[in-house]
Amino acid sequence: ACDKFISERRRFRQELDSIPYLKVYESEANYFLCEVKGSYSSHDLAVLLLKKYNILIKDCSTKKVFNGRNYIRLAVRGREDNQRLINALKAVQKYL
């Protein structure tokens, strides 16, 4: 089970790295912290994903440690859920 998770985590990271408006930070946890670099804020991206794709992500911009900068947290889940999120993140590029 651990090997399967590690493999999926690696694949998910590679997919996230291919999204130009995200800067993905390395993590040993079961999530990735990403800086949103497009014209939308992290809040706008979170709302868009929820309304259009029914996907909930964590908007971290309100956390004091980030000083109002645009960060999101994306949980590593199963392959199907991860791919659904990747597809949505790629699709919303046209809105950013």
N, C-alpha and C. Protein backbone atom coordinates (compact mmCIF):
# COMPACT_ATOMS: atom_id res chain seq x y z
N ALA A 1 0.83 -1.19 0.00
CA ALA A 1 0.00 0.00 0.00
C ALA A 1 0.87 1.26 0.00
N CYS A 2 1.96 1.23 0.77
CA CYS A 2 2.85 2.39 0.82
C CYS A 2 3.51 2.65 -0.53
N ASP A 3 3.95 1.59 -1.19
CA ASP A 3 4.57 1.74 -2.51
C ASP A 3 3.57 2.32 -3.51
N LYS A 4 2.34 1.88 -3.44
CA LYS A 4 1.29 2.37 -4.33
C LYS A 4 1.05 3.87 -4.09
N PHE A 5 0.99 4.27 -2.82
CA PHE A 5 0.80 5.68 -2.49
C PHE A 5 1.98 6.51 -2.99
N ILE A 6 3.19 6.05 -2.76
CA ILE A 6 4.40 6.78 -3.17
C ILE A 6 4.41 6.95 -4.68
N SER A 7 4.05 5.90 -5.39
CA SER A 7 4.00 5.96 -6.86
C SER A 7 2.96 6.97 -7.34
N GLU A 8 1.79 6.94 -6.75
CA GLU A 8 0.73 7.87 -7.15
C GLU A 8 1.10 9.30 -6.76
N ARG A 9 1.71 9.46 -5.64
CA ARG A 9 2.15 10.79 -5.19
C ARG A 9 3.15 11.37 -6.18
N ARG A 10 4.08 10.57 -6.64
CA ARG A 10 5.09 10.99 -7.62
C ARG A 10 4.42 11.38 -8.94
N ARG A 11 3.48 10.58 -9.39
CA ARG A 11 2.76 10.85 -10.64
C ARG A 11 1.96 12.15 -10.51
N PHE A 12 1.26 12.31 -9.39
CA PHE A 12 0.46 13.50 -9.14
C PHE A 12 1.35 14.75 -9.15
N ARG A 13 2.51 14.68 -8.52
CA ARG A 13 3.45 15.80 -8.48
C ARG A 13 3.89 16.16 -9.90
N GLN A 14 4.20 15.17 -10.72
CA GLN A 14 4.63 15.45 -12.09
C GLN A 14 3.53 16.15 -12.88
N GLU A 15 2.30 15.71 -12.67
CA GLU A 15 1.16 16.34 -13.34
C GLU A 15 0.99 17.78 -12.87
N LEU A 16 1.10 18.00 -11.56
CA LEU A 16 0.98 19.36 -11.03
C LEU A 16 2.08 20.26 -11.58
N ASP A 17 3.28 19.73 -11.71
CA ASP A 17 4.40 20.51 -12.25
C ASP A 17 4.15 20.97 -13.69
N SER A 18 3.29 20.29 -14.40
CA SER A 18 3.01 20.65 -15.80
C SER A 18 2.00 21.79 -15.93
N ILE A 19 1.43 22.24 -14.83
CA ILE A 19 0.44 23.31 -14.86
C ILE A 19 1.18 24.63 -14.66
N PRO A 20 1.20 25.48 -15.69
CA PRO A 20 2.06 26.66 -15.67
C PRO A 20 1.74 27.71 -14.61
N TYR A 21 0.53 27.79 -14.14
CA TYR A 21 0.19 28.82 -13.17
C TYR A 21 0.36 28.36 -11.72
N LEU A 22 0.91 27.16 -11.53
CA LEU A 22 1.17 26.66 -10.18
C LEU A 22 2.66 26.46 -9.95
N LYS A 23 3.13 26.90 -8.81
CA LYS A 23 4.49 26.57 -8.37
C LYS A 23 4.31 25.59 -7.21
N VAL A 24 4.77 24.37 -7.41
CA VAL A 24 4.57 23.29 -6.44
C VAL A 24 5.80 23.18 -5.55
N TYR A 25 5.56 23.14 -4.25
CA TYR A 25 6.65 23.00 -3.28
C TYR A 25 6.75 21.55 -2.84
N GLU A 26 7.97 21.08 -2.70
CA GLU A 26 8.21 19.70 -2.27
C GLU A 26 7.67 19.50 -0.86
N SER A 27 7.19 18.29 -0.63
CA SER A 27 6.59 17.97 0.65
C SER A 27 6.77 16.49 0.93
N GLU A 28 6.84 16.15 2.18
CA GLU A 28 6.86 14.75 2.59
C GLU A 28 5.48 14.35 3.13
N ALA A 29 4.57 15.28 3.16
CA ALA A 29 3.23 15.04 3.70
C ALA A 29 2.32 14.45 2.61
N ASN A 30 1.06 14.28 2.96
CA ASN A 30 0.10 13.73 2.00
C ASN A 30 -0.63 14.85 1.24
N TYR A 31 0.04 15.97 1.09
CA TYR A 31 -0.50 17.09 0.32
C TYR A 31 0.66 17.89 -0.28
N PHE A 32 0.32 18.74 -1.26
CA PHE A 32 1.30 19.66 -1.83
C PHE A 32 0.82 21.08 -1.62
N LEU A 33 1.74 21.94 -1.27
CA LEU A 33 1.49 23.36 -1.17
C LEU A 33 1.88 23.96 -2.52
N CYS A 34 0.98 24.76 -3.07
CA CYS A 34 1.21 25.35 -4.39
C CYS A 34 0.94 26.85 -4.34
N GLU A 35 1.81 27.61 -4.98
CA GLU A 35 1.56 29.04 -5.13
C GLU A 35 0.82 29.23 -6.45
N VAL A 36 -0.25 30.02 -6.41
CA VAL A 36 -1.04 30.32 -7.60
C VAL A 36 -0.45 31.57 -8.24
N LYS A 37 -0.03 31.46 -9.50
CA LYS A 37 0.68 32.55 -10.15
C LYS A 37 -0.10 33.18 -11.30
N GLY A 38 -1.35 32.79 -11.50
CA GLY A 38 -2.13 33.36 -12.60
C GLY A 38 -2.77 34.67 -12.20
N SER A 39 -3.68 35.13 -13.03
CA SER A 39 -4.34 36.40 -12.75
C SER A 39 -5.42 36.25 -11.67
N TYR A 40 -5.84 35.03 -11.40
CA TYR A 40 -6.79 34.79 -10.31
C TYR A 40 -6.04 34.63 -9.00
N SER A 41 -6.72 34.90 -7.92
CA SER A 41 -6.16 34.64 -6.60
C SER A 41 -6.41 33.18 -6.24
N SER A 42 -5.80 32.74 -5.17
CA SER A 42 -6.04 31.37 -4.70
C SER A 42 -7.51 31.21 -4.31
N HIS A 43 -8.10 32.26 -3.76
CA HIS A 43 -9.52 32.23 -3.41
C HIS A 43 -10.38 32.06 -4.67
N ASP A 44 -10.08 32.84 -5.71
CA ASP A 44 -10.83 32.73 -6.97
C ASP A 44 -10.73 31.33 -7.55
N LEU A 45 -9.53 30.75 -7.51
CA LEU A 45 -9.33 29.40 -8.04
C LEU A 45 -10.14 28.39 -7.23
N ALA A 46 -10.12 28.51 -5.92
CA ALA A 46 -10.88 27.59 -5.06
C ALA A 46 -12.37 27.69 -5.35
N VAL A 47 -12.88 28.90 -5.50
CA VAL A 47 -14.31 29.09 -5.78
C VAL A 47 -14.66 28.54 -7.15
N LEU A 48 -13.83 28.80 -8.14
CA LEU A 48 -14.06 28.30 -9.50
C LEU A 48 -14.10 26.78 -9.54
N LEU A 49 -13.15 26.13 -8.88
CA LEU A 49 -13.13 24.67 -8.87
C LEU A 49 -14.35 24.09 -8.15
N LEU A 50 -14.78 24.76 -7.10
CA LEU A 50 -15.94 24.27 -6.36
C LEU A 50 -17.22 24.44 -7.18
N LYS A 51 -17.41 25.61 -7.77
CA LYS A 51 -18.64 25.89 -8.52
C LYS A 51 -18.73 25.11 -9.82
N LYS A 52 -17.63 25.05 -10.55
CA LYS A 52 -17.65 24.45 -11.88
C LYS A 52 -17.42 22.93 -11.88
N TYR A 53 -16.64 22.43 -10.91
CA TYR A 53 -16.25 21.01 -10.92
C TYR A 53 -16.61 20.27 -9.63
N ASN A 54 -17.18 20.98 -8.67
CA ASN A 54 -17.52 20.38 -7.38
C ASN A 54 -16.29 19.76 -6.69
N ILE A 55 -15.17 20.46 -6.81
CA ILE A 55 -13.91 20.04 -6.20
C ILE A 55 -13.52 21.08 -5.16
N LEU A 56 -13.28 20.62 -3.95
CA LEU A 56 -12.91 21.51 -2.85
C LEU A 56 -11.41 21.43 -2.60
N ILE A 57 -10.74 22.57 -2.68
CA ILE A 57 -9.32 22.66 -2.34
C ILE A 57 -9.17 23.65 -1.20
N LYS A 58 -8.05 23.61 -0.53
CA LYS A 58 -7.81 24.50 0.61
C LYS A 58 -7.13 25.78 0.14
N ASP A 59 -7.80 26.91 0.33
CA ASP A 59 -7.22 28.22 0.06
C ASP A 59 -6.45 28.64 1.31
N CYS A 60 -5.16 28.82 1.18
CA CYS A 60 -4.31 29.14 2.33
C CYS A 60 -3.99 30.63 2.43
N SER A 61 -4.57 31.46 1.58
CA SER A 61 -4.21 32.88 1.56
C SER A 61 -4.57 33.61 2.85
N THR A 62 -5.50 33.08 3.61
CA THR A 62 -5.90 33.75 4.85
C THR A 62 -5.00 33.39 6.03
N LYS A 63 -4.12 32.44 5.85
CA LYS A 63 -3.18 32.05 6.92
C LYS A 63 -2.13 33.14 7.09
N LYS A 64 -1.91 33.56 8.31
CA LYS A 64 -0.98 34.65 8.60
C LYS A 64 0.42 34.39 8.07
N VAL A 65 0.86 33.15 8.13
CA VAL A 65 2.21 32.80 7.73
C VAL A 65 2.47 33.11 6.24
N PHE A 66 1.43 33.16 5.42
CA PHE A 66 1.60 33.42 3.99
C PHE A 66 1.47 34.89 3.61
N ASN A 67 1.21 35.75 4.59
CA ASN A 67 1.16 37.20 4.38
C ASN A 67 0.26 37.60 3.21
N GLY A 68 -0.88 36.93 3.07
CA GLY A 68 -1.85 37.29 2.04
C GLY A 68 -1.48 36.82 0.64
N ARG A 69 -0.38 36.09 0.50
CA ARG A 69 0.01 35.59 -0.82
C ARG A 69 -0.88 34.42 -1.21
N ASN A 70 -0.91 34.08 -2.48
CA ASN A 70 -1.85 33.10 -3.03
C ASN A 70 -1.30 31.68 -3.02
N TYR A 71 -1.68 30.95 -1.98
CA TYR A 71 -1.28 29.54 -1.85
C TYR A 71 -2.51 28.67 -1.69
N ILE A 72 -2.40 27.46 -2.24
CA ILE A 72 -3.44 26.45 -2.05
C ILE A 72 -2.77 25.17 -1.56
N ARG A 73 -3.57 24.32 -0.94
CA ARG A 73 -3.07 23.02 -0.49
C ARG A 73 -3.90 21.95 -1.19
N LEU A 74 -3.21 21.01 -1.84
CA LEU A 74 -3.87 19.95 -2.59
C LEU A 74 -3.51 18.60 -1.98
N ALA A 75 -4.52 17.89 -1.52
CA ALA A 75 -4.31 16.59 -0.91
C ALA A 75 -4.00 15.54 -1.97
N VAL A 76 -3.11 14.63 -1.63
CA VAL A 76 -2.84 13.47 -2.48
C VAL A 76 -3.88 12.42 -2.14
N ARG A 77 -4.65 12.03 -3.14
CA ARG A 77 -5.70 11.04 -2.94
C ARG A 77 -5.45 9.86 -3.87
N GLY A 78 -6.49 9.14 -4.22
CA GLY A 78 -6.36 8.03 -5.16
C GLY A 78 -6.18 8.54 -6.58
N ARG A 79 -5.74 7.67 -7.46
CA ARG A 79 -5.45 8.05 -8.85
C ARG A 79 -6.64 8.72 -9.54
N GLU A 80 -7.82 8.19 -9.37
CA GLU A 80 -9.01 8.73 -10.03
C GLU A 80 -9.30 10.16 -9.55
N ASP A 81 -9.29 10.37 -8.25
CA ASP A 81 -9.54 11.71 -7.70
C ASP A 81 -8.44 12.68 -8.10
N ASN A 82 -7.20 12.23 -8.04
CA ASN A 82 -6.08 13.10 -8.42
C ASN A 82 -6.18 13.51 -9.88
N GLN A 83 -6.54 12.57 -10.74
CA GLN A 83 -6.63 12.87 -12.17
C GLN A 83 -7.80 13.81 -12.46
N ARG A 84 -8.88 13.64 -11.73
CA ARG A 84 -10.03 14.55 -11.87
C ARG A 84 -9.62 15.98 -11.52
N LEU A 85 -8.85 16.13 -10.45
CA LEU A 85 -8.36 17.45 -10.06
C LEU A 85 -7.41 18.02 -11.11
N ILE A 86 -6.49 17.21 -11.60
CA ILE A 86 -5.54 17.66 -12.63
C ILE A 86 -6.30 18.12 -13.87
N ASN A 87 -7.28 17.36 -14.30
CA ASN A 87 -8.06 17.73 -15.48
C ASN A 87 -8.77 19.06 -15.26
N ALA A 88 -9.33 19.26 -14.08
CA ALA A 88 -10.01 20.52 -13.76
C ALA A 88 -9.02 21.68 -13.73
N LEU A 89 -7.86 21.48 -13.12
CA LEU A 89 -6.85 22.54 -13.05
C LEU A 89 -6.38 22.93 -14.45
N LYS A 90 -6.24 21.97 -15.34
CA LYS A 90 -5.86 22.26 -16.70
C LYS A 90 -6.98 22.97 -17.46
N ALA A 91 -8.20 22.57 -17.21
CA ALA A 91 -9.35 23.17 -17.89
C ALA A 91 -9.56 24.63 -17.49
N VAL A 92 -9.30 24.96 -16.24
CA VAL A 92 -9.55 26.34 -15.79
C VAL A 92 -8.45 27.30 -16.24
N GLN A 93 -7.40 26.78 -16.85
CA GLN A 93 -6.33 27.65 -17.36
C GLN A 93 -6.87 28.73 -18.28
N LYS A 94 -7.89 28.39 -19.06
CA LYS A 94 -8.45 29.37 -20.00
C LYS A 94 -9.11 30.55 -19.28
N TYR A 95 -9.46 30.36 -18.01
CA TYR A 95 -10.07 31.44 -17.23
C TYR A 95 -9.03 32.30 -16.51
N LEU A 96 -7.81 31.80 -16.43
CA LEU A 96 -6.78 32.51 -15.64
C LEU A 96 -6.04 33.54 -16.45
